Every structure is written in C-alpha cells, then in structure tokens.
Amino acid sequence: MRKTKTKELTLLAILTSLTIVLGFFGRIPTPTGVTTLLDVGIYFTAFYFGKEHGVVVGGVAAFLFDLLAGYPQWMVISLLAHGGQGYLAGLSGKKHLLGFLLGTIFMVAVYFIASSLMYGMGAATAEVLTNTMQNVVGVIGGYLLCATFGKIRGEKSDES
C-alpha cells in the first residue's frame, strides 16, 4: 500500500513540475497577469489520469507558477480556478466534452470575478478572450500529448 502511494505522489510531483515548466515556456504578459501554456499540462493530466490527478496538478501547478512568476496576488485564485478546471476536465466517457466546456467556463469565470474585484470590469472583460484562448490551446495541446503518450505506450485511442 505504501509503495503505491509513493508512486502516485511521485507521479503527481513530476506532472506538476512539468506543467509549471510549460507555464514558463509559453508565458505572455497581459494587463492584469499572464497567459501561459500551463493549461496544456493540466488538460493532459486530466485527460490521461482523470479528475483526481487533474485537480491536484491544476491547483498546485498554478499556485506554484504564480509564486515563482511573481504574481502572489493570484496564487489562491489560481489554485481554485485551475484546480476546478482540472477536476472538470477529468470527467470521462460521454461527459468528456462537457468536462472541457465546464472546466473552461469555470476557469474563465473565476478569473473574471477576481479581475473585476481587483482591477475593474474593463480589465476583467478584456481577459475573457485571452483566458478562453488559453483553454483552447490547452485542450488541443493536452489532447495531442495524451494521444501521443497513449500511442507510445501502445494503448487504444479513446474516441469519446
């Protein structure tokens, strides 16, 4: 039992670290923060490993990214926004597309509310498009990584 928990914690730590690296690799400053490739790692984790892993990697990676990138005011907000996004994106089977859509809406809504309180409605509205595009790029990249990883491991593709 202990060996399994150690393996799972190690996997989560590696996925979280790789997701943070993706965030730094494709970082674009915006008026209220930053747009990143963090979502690629979150969606890959959620699609491949499920909602439990998605919530942990999404929340912890976003929290630590904000700390390391110099956006401490966003840390707790990102933990909530990306944790929820990872959880919802990890829905499986016929709920898979619904999970992506709900994850995107949840993440964009959390950041919209936080930005409107911190910077006003104008800044919050401007961020809706960049946050939505960040999710679209994230889901495409995450799906491609998931499909590629599955082929490397010799698994059948999930067409749901």
C-alpha atoms as a PDB file:
ATOM      1  CA  MET A   1       0.000   0.000   0.000  1.00  0.00           C
ATOM      2  CA  ARG A   2       2.739   2.439   0.920  1.00  0.00           C
ATOM      3  CA  LYS A   3       4.615   1.738  -2.324  1.00  0.00           C
ATOM      4  CA  THR A   4       1.535   2.666  -4.353  1.00  0.00           C
ATOM      5  CA  LYS A   5       1.087   5.987  -2.518  1.00  0.00           C
ATOM      6  CA  THR A   6       4.760   6.836  -3.033  1.00  0.00           C
ATOM      7  CA  LYS A   7       4.477   6.086  -6.754  1.00  0.00           C
ATOM      8  CA  GLU A   8       1.324   8.199  -7.051  1.00  0.00           C
ATOM      9  CA  LEU A   9       2.833  11.145  -5.149  1.00  0.00           C
ATOM     10  CA  THR A  10       5.951  10.928  -7.316  1.00  0.00           C
ATOM     11  CA  LEU A  11       3.825  10.928 -10.468  1.00  0.00           C
ATOM     12  CA  LEU A  12       1.848  13.954  -9.238  1.00  0.00           C
ATOM     13  CA  ALA A  13       5.081  15.813  -8.379  1.00  0.00           C
ATOM     14  CA  ILE A  14       6.559  15.124 -11.825  1.00  0.00           C
ATOM     15  CA  LEU A  15       3.354  16.143 -13.634  1.00  0.00           C
ATOM     16  CA  THR A  16       3.103  19.301 -11.523  1.00  0.00           C
ATOM     17  CA  SER A  17       6.736  20.210 -12.249  1.00  0.00           C
ATOM     18  CA  LEU A  18       6.347  19.624 -15.989  1.00  0.00           C
ATOM     19  CA  THR A  19       3.164  21.709 -16.013  1.00  0.00           C
ATOM     20  CA  ILE A  20       4.996  24.595 -14.321  1.00  0.00           C
ATOM     21  CA  VAL A  21       7.775  24.341 -16.930  1.00  0.00           C
ATOM     22  CA  LEU A  22       5.141  24.530 -19.683  1.00  0.00           C
ATOM     23  CA  GLY A  23       3.766  27.632 -17.977  1.00  0.00           C
ATOM     24  CA  PHE A  24       7.147  29.350 -18.067  1.00  0.00           C
ATOM     25  CA  PHE A  25       7.883  28.182 -21.610  1.00  0.00           C
ATOM     26  CA  GLY A  26       4.917  29.948 -23.197  1.00  0.00           C
ATOM     27  CA  ARG A  27       4.360  32.965 -20.973  1.00  0.00           C
ATOM     28  CA  ILE A  28       2.714  36.077 -22.486  1.00  0.00           C
ATOM     29  CA  PRO A  29       2.140  39.119 -20.222  1.00  0.00           C
ATOM     30  CA  THR A  30      -1.362  40.650 -20.151  1.00  0.00           C
ATOM     31  CA  PRO A  31      -2.627  43.848 -18.466  1.00  0.00           C
ATOM     32  CA  THR A  32      -3.715  42.002 -15.311  1.00  0.00           C
ATOM     33  CA  GLY A  33      -1.382  38.987 -15.251  1.00  0.00           C
ATOM     34  CA  VAL A  34      -0.105  36.430 -17.715  1.00  0.00           C
ATOM     35  CA  THR A  35      -1.324  33.936 -20.313  1.00  0.00           C
ATOM     36  CA  THR A  36       0.561  30.634 -20.290  1.00  0.00           C
ATOM     37  CA  LEU A  37       0.750  27.082 -21.586  1.00  0.00           C
ATOM     38  CA  LEU A  38       0.014  25.830 -18.071  1.00  0.00           C
ATOM     39  CA  ASP A  39      -3.331  24.521 -19.301  1.00  0.00           C
ATOM     40  CA  VAL A  40      -1.624  22.051 -21.659  1.00  0.00           C
ATOM     41  CA  GLY A  41      -0.218  20.187 -18.664  1.00  0.00           C
ATOM     42  CA  ILE A  42      -3.479  20.455 -16.742  1.00  0.00           C
ATOM     43  CA  TYR A  43      -5.571  19.081 -19.602  1.00  0.00           C
ATOM     44  CA  PHE A  44      -3.061  16.318 -20.366  1.00  0.00           C
ATOM     45  CA  THR A  45      -3.131  15.202 -16.743  1.00  0.00           C
ATOM     46  CA  ALA A  46      -6.917  15.384 -16.518  1.00  0.00           C
ATOM     47  CA  PHE A  47      -7.477  13.580 -19.837  1.00  0.00           C
ATOM     48  CA  TYR A  48      -4.925  10.843 -19.235  1.00  0.00           C
ATOM     49  CA  PHE A  49      -5.106  10.248 -15.479  1.00  0.00           C
ATOM     50  CA  GLY A  50      -8.553  11.562 -14.516  1.00  0.00           C
ATOM     51  CA  LYS A  51     -10.161  14.191 -12.349  1.00  0.00           C
ATOM     52  CA  GLU A  52      -8.358  13.358  -9.083  1.00  0.00           C
ATOM     53  CA  HIS A  53      -4.968  13.922 -10.680  1.00  0.00           C
ATOM     54  CA  GLY A  54      -6.306  16.871 -12.706  1.00  0.00           C
ATOM     55  CA  VAL A  55      -7.457  18.796  -9.640  1.00  0.00           C
ATOM     56  CA  VAL A  56      -4.133  18.311  -7.835  1.00  0.00           C
ATOM     57  CA  VAL A  57      -1.875  19.144 -10.780  1.00  0.00           C
ATOM     58  CA  GLY A  58      -4.096  22.031 -11.899  1.00  0.00           C
ATOM     59  CA  GLY A  59      -4.335  23.666  -8.497  1.00  0.00           C
ATOM     60  CA  VAL A  60      -0.796  23.082  -7.237  1.00  0.00           C
ATOM     61  CA  ALA A  61       0.936  23.897 -10.549  1.00  0.00           C
ATOM     62  CA  ALA A  62      -0.996  27.164 -10.962  1.00  0.00           C
ATOM     63  CA  PHE A  63      -0.416  28.106  -7.310  1.00  0.00           C
ATOM     64  CA  LEU A  64       3.339  27.495  -7.556  1.00  0.00           C
ATOM     65  CA  PHE A  65       3.589  29.102 -11.000  1.00  0.00           C
ATOM     66  CA  ASP A  66       2.127  32.340  -9.649  1.00  0.00           C
ATOM     67  CA  LEU A  67       4.502  32.246  -6.696  1.00  0.00           C
ATOM     68  CA  LEU A  68       7.567  31.672  -8.894  1.00  0.00           C
ATOM     69  CA  ALA A  69       6.499  34.083 -11.660  1.00  0.00           C
ATOM     70  CA  GLY A  70       5.938  36.995  -9.280  1.00  0.00           C
ATOM     71  CA  TYR A  71       2.131  37.057  -9.168  1.00  0.00           C
ATOM     72  CA  PRO A  72       1.476  36.204  -5.495  1.00  0.00           C
ATOM     73  CA  GLN A  73      -1.848  38.071  -5.526  1.00  0.00           C
ATOM     74  CA  TRP A  74      -3.176  35.380  -7.899  1.00  0.00           C
ATOM     75  CA  MET A  75      -1.929  32.275  -6.048  1.00  0.00           C
ATOM     76  CA  VAL A  76      -5.110  31.299  -4.187  1.00  0.00           C
ATOM     77  CA  ILE A  77      -7.336  32.363  -7.074  1.00  0.00           C
ATOM     78  CA  SER A  78      -5.292  30.215  -9.479  1.00  0.00           C
ATOM     79  CA  LEU A  79      -5.420  27.285  -7.070  1.00  0.00           C
ATOM     80  CA  LEU A  80      -9.213  27.449  -7.190  1.00  0.00           C
ATOM     81  CA  ALA A  81      -9.577  28.283 -10.908  1.00  0.00           C
ATOM     82  CA  HIS A  82      -7.162  25.697 -12.281  1.00  0.00           C
ATOM     83  CA  GLY A  83      -7.960  23.071  -9.666  1.00  0.00           C
ATOM     84  CA  GLY A  84     -11.629  23.219 -10.659  1.00  0.00           C
ATOM     85  CA  GLN A  85     -10.647  23.257 -14.314  1.00  0.00           C
ATOM     86  CA  GLY A  86      -8.533  20.117 -13.878  1.00  0.00           C
ATOM     87  CA  TYR A  87     -11.264  18.340 -11.952  1.00  0.00           C
ATOM     88  CA  LEU A  88     -13.979  19.106 -14.504  1.00  0.00           C
ATOM     89  CA  ALA A  89     -11.726  18.303 -17.471  1.00  0.00           C
ATOM     90  CA  GLY A  90     -11.078  14.892 -15.953  1.00  0.00           C
ATOM     91  CA  LEU A  91     -14.671  13.774 -16.373  1.00  0.00           C
ATOM     92  CA  SER A  92     -14.621  10.654 -18.520  1.00  0.00           C
ATOM     93  CA  GLY A  93     -16.708   8.851 -21.090  1.00  0.00           C
ATOM     94  CA  LYS A  94     -19.589  10.774 -22.607  1.00  0.00           C
ATOM     95  CA  LYS A  95     -19.023  13.611 -20.118  1.00  0.00           C
ATOM     96  CA  HIS A  96     -15.556  14.297 -21.552  1.00  0.00           C
ATOM     97  CA  LEU A  97     -16.584  17.193 -23.836  1.00  0.00           C
ATOM     98  CA  LEU A  98     -18.888  18.551 -21.144  1.00  0.00           C
ATOM     99  CA  GLY A  99     -15.956  18.468 -18.725  1.00  0.00           C
ATOM    100  CA  PHE A 100     -13.797  20.529 -21.063  1.00  0.00           C
ATOM    101  CA  LEU A 101     -16.556  23.083 -21.549  1.00  0.00           C
ATOM    102  CA  LEU A 102     -17.373  23.304 -17.835  1.00  0.00           C
ATOM    103  CA  GLY A 103     -13.669  23.486 -16.968  1.00  0.00           C
ATOM    104  CA  THR A 104     -13.190  26.360 -19.385  1.00  0.00           C
ATOM    105  CA  ILE A 105     -16.261  28.217 -18.145  1.00  0.00           C
ATOM    106  CA  PHE A 106     -15.261  27.667 -14.518  1.00  0.00           C
ATOM    107  CA  MET A 107     -11.689  28.890 -15.011  1.00  0.00           C
ATOM    108  CA  VAL A 108     -12.710  31.933 -17.061  1.00  0.00           C
ATOM    109  CA  ALA A 109     -15.491  32.818 -14.583  1.00  0.00           C
ATOM    110  CA  VAL A 110     -13.222  32.606 -11.526  1.00  0.00           C
ATOM    111  CA  TYR A 111     -10.624  34.859 -13.152  1.00  0.00           C
ATOM    112  CA  PHE A 112     -13.345  37.227 -14.406  1.00  0.00           C
ATOM    113  CA  ILE A 113     -14.771  37.661 -10.910  1.00  0.00           C
ATOM    114  CA  ALA A 114     -11.319  38.090  -9.355  1.00  0.00           C
ATOM    115  CA  SER A 115     -10.147  40.556 -12.040  1.00  0.00           C
ATOM    116  CA  SER A 116     -13.335  42.613 -11.755  1.00  0.00           C
ATOM    117  CA  LEU A 117     -12.835  42.912  -7.993  1.00  0.00           C
ATOM    118  CA  MET A 118      -9.109  43.684  -8.285  1.00  0.00           C
ATOM    119  CA  TYR A 119      -8.911  45.769 -11.476  1.00  0.00           C
ATOM    120  CA  GLY A 120     -12.480  46.623 -12.543  1.00  0.00           C
ATOM    121  CA  MET A 121     -14.912  45.349 -15.160  1.00  0.00           C
ATOM    122  CA  GLY A 122     -12.956  46.703 -18.138  1.00  0.00           C
ATOM    123  CA  ALA A 123      -9.829  44.704 -17.339  1.00  0.00           C
ATOM    124  CA  ALA A 124     -11.866  41.639 -16.424  1.00  0.00           C
ATOM    125  CA  THR A 125     -13.765  41.746 -19.705  1.00  0.00           C
ATOM    126  CA  ALA A 126     -10.525  42.099 -21.674  1.00  0.00           C
ATOM    127  CA  GLU A 127      -9.154  38.943 -20.016  1.00  0.00           C
ATOM    128  CA  VAL A 128     -12.121  36.759 -21.031  1.00  0.00           C
ATOM    129  CA  LEU A 129     -10.788  36.285 -24.576  1.00  0.00           C
ATOM    130  CA  THR A 130      -7.201  35.529 -23.509  1.00  0.00           C
ATOM    131  CA  ASN A 131      -8.338  33.089 -20.808  1.00  0.00           C
ATOM    132  CA  THR A 132     -10.666  31.346 -23.262  1.00  0.00           C
ATOM    133  CA  MET A 133      -7.898  31.070 -25.860  1.00  0.00           C
ATOM    134  CA  GLN A 134      -5.518  29.767 -23.183  1.00  0.00           C
ATOM    135  CA  ASN A 135      -8.051  26.982 -22.533  1.00  0.00           C
ATOM    136  CA  VAL A 136      -8.495  26.186 -26.232  1.00  0.00           C
ATOM    137  CA  VAL A 137      -4.738  25.930 -26.743  1.00  0.00           C
ATOM    138  CA  GLY A 138      -4.509  23.927 -23.528  1.00  0.00           C
ATOM    139  CA  VAL A 139      -7.134  21.387 -24.549  1.00  0.00           C
ATOM    140  CA  ILE A 140      -5.626  20.941 -28.024  1.00  0.00           C
ATOM    141  CA  GLY A 141      -2.110  20.567 -26.648  1.00  0.00           C
ATOM    142  CA  GLY A 142      -3.262  18.351 -23.803  1.00  0.00           C
ATOM    143  CA  TYR A 143      -5.223  16.104 -26.155  1.00  0.00           C
ATOM    144  CA  LEU A 144      -2.291  15.810 -28.574  1.00  0.00           C
ATOM    145  CA  LEU A 145       0.061  14.906 -25.716  1.00  0.00           C
ATOM    146  CA  CYS A 146      -2.458  12.421 -24.386  1.00  0.00           C
ATOM    147  CA  ALA A 147      -2.905  10.769 -27.796  1.00  0.00           C
ATOM    148  CA  THR A 148       0.854  10.682 -28.401  1.00  0.00           C
ATOM    149  CA  PHE A 149       1.587   9.286 -24.951  1.00  0.00           C
ATOM    150  CA  GLY A 150      -1.093   6.637 -25.468  1.00  0.00           C
ATOM    151  CA  LYS A 151       0.434   5.582 -28.797  1.00  0.00           C
ATOM    152  CA  ILE A 152       3.897   5.374 -27.271  1.00  0.00           C
ATOM    153  CA  ARG A 153       2.529   3.149 -24.516  1.00  0.00           C
ATOM    154  CA  GLY A 154       0.619   1.077 -27.095  1.00  0.00           C
ATOM    155  CA  GLU A 155      -2.851   1.944 -25.797  1.00  0.00           C
ATOM    156  CA  LYS A 156      -6.005   2.188 -27.871  1.00  0.00           C
ATOM    157  CA  SER A 157      -7.214   5.706 -28.630  1.00  0.00           C
ATOM    158  CA  ASP A 158     -10.310   6.855 -26.702  1.00  0.00           C
ATOM    159  CA  GLU A 159     -12.670   8.427 -29.238  1.00  0.00           C
ATOM    160  CA  SER A 160     -15.194   9.751 -26.677  1.00  0.00           C
END
